[in-house]
Amino acid sequence: MAKLDVKSIDEQIKRLEQLKSFMSDPLTAQMVEQLIASKNGHSSDAPAPSQEKPKSSKGEFVSKIEEICRGFGDKQFVISDVIKAYANRGYLFAAKDKNVAVYSALQRLLGKSIEIAVKGSGRNPTKYRLIRRFPREITAVVKEG
């Protein structure tokens, strides 16, 4: 029977415990994820982590999703587009399933600021777009902002 090197296992356990402690800070974890993503050839233009603590309010999440949807302008978008844009802004998902979280937020926004452009079917996802407003409403919003 082969002899196990228990000392090296103990060292690995110690390092893993240190890593766990280190990664428990959300800002540090986000920074490490961005570094790993940039090393793996993913987008390295992700914004630096914000100094705010992550917030888990549904209303704040929905307003962030609405802000992202406005960023698409007249272009149609699907749930995966919103997820990518959300992550590229440096936000972290509190939900286990990103698709369900974004879908729920989009359902809350339907009729208020977005509408369904093309209803999805089978493998074809539902496409959304901003609700088109009358030109006078758009100019009124521009003048106020």
Protein backbone atom coordinates (compact mmCIF):
# COMPACT_ATOMS: atom_id res chain seq x y z
CA MET A 1 0.00 0.00 0.00
CA ALA A 2 1.31 3.45 -0.93
CA LYS A 3 2.05 5.86 1.89
CA LEU A 4 0.08 9.13 1.74
CA ASP A 5 1.86 12.40 2.35
CA VAL A 6 -0.47 13.77 5.03
CA LYS A 7 1.67 16.86 5.56
CA SER A 8 1.07 18.10 1.99
CA ILE A 9 -2.66 17.49 2.38
CA ASP A 10 -2.65 19.56 5.59
CA GLU A 11 -0.84 22.37 3.74
CA GLN A 12 -3.41 22.29 0.95
CA ILE A 13 -6.25 22.42 3.47
CA LYS A 14 -4.64 25.42 5.17
CA ARG A 15 -4.26 27.23 1.83
CA LEU A 16 -7.86 26.43 0.85
CA GLU A 17 -9.10 27.84 4.16
CA GLN A 18 -7.10 31.01 3.53
CA LEU A 19 -8.53 31.23 0.01
CA LYS A 20 -12.06 30.75 1.36
CA SER A 21 -11.54 33.58 3.85
CA PHE A 22 -10.04 35.80 1.15
CA MET A 23 -12.83 35.12 -1.36
CA SER A 24 -15.64 35.72 1.15
CA ASP A 25 -15.29 39.45 0.48
CA PRO A 26 -17.60 40.18 -2.52
CA LEU A 27 -15.40 42.94 -3.95
CA THR A 28 -12.28 40.79 -3.78
CA ALA A 29 -14.13 37.83 -5.33
CA GLN A 30 -15.39 40.04 -8.18
CA MET A 31 -11.90 41.39 -8.82
CA VAL A 32 -10.44 37.87 -8.95
CA GLU A 33 -13.20 36.75 -11.34
CA GLN A 34 -12.41 39.69 -13.64
CA LEU A 35 -8.70 38.87 -13.57
CA ILE A 36 -9.38 35.23 -14.41
CA ALA A 37 -11.78 36.23 -17.20
CA SER A 38 -9.19 38.56 -18.74
CA LYS A 39 -6.55 35.80 -18.61
CA ASN A 40 -8.94 33.37 -20.31
CA GLY A 41 -9.50 35.70 -23.26
CA HIS A 42 -12.83 37.08 -22.12
CA SER A 43 -13.59 40.77 -22.14
CA SER A 44 -11.11 42.67 -20.01
CA ASP A 45 -13.01 45.94 -20.31
CA ALA A 46 -15.27 45.08 -17.39
CA PRO A 47 -15.52 48.02 -15.02
CA ALA A 48 -13.67 48.04 -11.75
CA PRO A 49 -15.76 46.82 -8.84
CA SER A 50 -17.76 49.54 -7.20
CA GLN A 51 -17.11 50.42 -3.58
CA GLU A 52 -20.79 49.99 -2.72
CA LYS A 53 -21.93 46.91 -0.87
CA PRO A 54 -24.10 44.61 -3.01
CA LYS A 55 -27.80 45.28 -2.49
CA SER A 56 -30.47 42.64 -2.91
CA SER A 57 -33.65 44.68 -3.16
CA LYS A 58 -35.98 43.57 -5.95
CA GLY A 59 -36.80 47.16 -6.83
CA GLU A 60 -33.13 48.07 -7.22
CA PHE A 61 -32.51 45.00 -9.36
CA VAL A 62 -35.47 45.81 -11.60
CA SER A 63 -34.33 49.44 -11.96
CA LYS A 64 -30.82 48.28 -12.94
CA ILE A 65 -32.36 45.92 -15.53
CA GLU A 66 -34.51 48.78 -16.83
CA GLU A 67 -31.42 50.99 -17.14
CA ILE A 68 -29.66 48.25 -19.10
CA CYS A 69 -32.69 47.83 -21.39
CA ARG A 70 -32.66 51.56 -22.11
CA GLY A 71 -29.04 51.15 -23.19
CA PHE A 72 -30.16 48.96 -26.09
CA GLY A 73 -32.06 51.92 -27.59
CA ASP A 74 -34.18 50.88 -30.59
CA LYS A 75 -32.38 47.56 -30.88
CA GLN A 76 -34.25 44.38 -29.94
CA PHE A 77 -32.73 42.27 -27.17
CA VAL A 78 -33.13 38.89 -25.52
CA ILE A 79 -32.57 37.76 -21.94
CA SER A 80 -29.00 36.62 -22.62
CA ASP A 81 -28.15 40.11 -23.94
CA VAL A 82 -29.40 41.64 -20.68
CA ILE A 83 -27.40 39.13 -18.60
CA LYS A 84 -24.19 39.94 -20.51
CA ALA A 85 -24.72 43.69 -20.19
CA TYR A 86 -25.48 43.34 -16.48
CA ALA A 87 -22.27 41.38 -15.88
CA ASN A 88 -20.21 43.77 -18.04
CA ARG A 89 -21.27 46.62 -15.77
CA GLY A 90 -19.71 44.79 -12.85
CA TYR A 91 -22.96 43.83 -11.13
CA LEU A 92 -23.24 40.51 -9.33
CA PHE A 93 -26.34 38.34 -9.45
CA ALA A 94 -27.80 37.45 -6.07
CA ALA A 95 -30.09 34.83 -7.63
CA LYS A 96 -29.01 31.28 -8.35
CA ASP A 97 -30.51 31.31 -11.85
CA LYS A 98 -29.68 34.47 -13.81
CA ASN A 99 -32.21 33.67 -16.54
CA VAL A 100 -35.10 33.44 -14.08
CA ALA A 101 -34.04 36.64 -12.29
CA VAL A 102 -33.82 38.65 -15.52
CA TYR A 103 -37.03 37.12 -16.88
CA SER A 104 -38.88 38.12 -13.70
CA ALA A 105 -37.51 41.66 -13.89
CA LEU A 106 -38.53 41.94 -17.56
CA GLN A 107 -42.03 40.73 -16.68
CA ARG A 108 -42.30 43.56 -14.15
CA LEU A 109 -41.21 46.05 -16.82
CA LEU A 110 -43.59 44.80 -19.53
CA GLY A 111 -46.06 47.51 -20.42
CA LYS A 112 -44.18 50.13 -18.45
CA SER A 113 -40.94 50.60 -20.35
CA ILE A 114 -40.51 47.51 -22.53
CA GLU A 115 -42.68 45.40 -24.78
CA ILE A 116 -42.40 42.08 -26.54
CA ALA A 117 -41.16 42.59 -30.10
CA VAL A 118 -41.25 38.92 -31.14
CA LYS A 119 -42.79 36.19 -28.99
CA GLY A 120 -40.38 33.30 -28.56
CA SER A 121 -41.19 29.74 -29.46
CA GLY A 122 -39.18 26.57 -28.94
CA ARG A 123 -35.48 27.39 -29.24
CA ASN A 124 -36.16 30.92 -30.43
CA PRO A 125 -36.08 33.30 -27.45
CA THR A 126 -38.55 36.11 -26.90
CA LYS A 127 -37.21 39.42 -28.22
CA TYR A 128 -37.94 42.59 -26.30
CA ARG A 129 -37.64 46.30 -27.13
CA LEU A 130 -38.25 49.62 -25.47
CA ILE A 131 -41.77 50.94 -25.79
CA ARG A 132 -41.80 53.46 -28.58
CA ARG A 133 -43.05 56.81 -27.41
CA PHE A 134 -44.54 59.74 -29.21
CA PRO A 135 -41.94 62.28 -30.40
CA ARG A 136 -43.29 64.99 -28.07
CA GLU A 137 -42.83 62.67 -25.06
CA ILE A 138 -39.25 61.98 -26.05
CA THR A 139 -38.40 65.68 -26.34
CA ALA A 140 -40.11 66.34 -22.98
CA VAL A 141 -37.94 63.67 -21.34
CA VAL A 142 -34.82 65.14 -22.96
CA LYS A 143 -35.69 68.66 -21.76
CA GLU A 144 -36.33 67.44 -18.19
CA GLY A 145 -33.12 65.36 -18.00
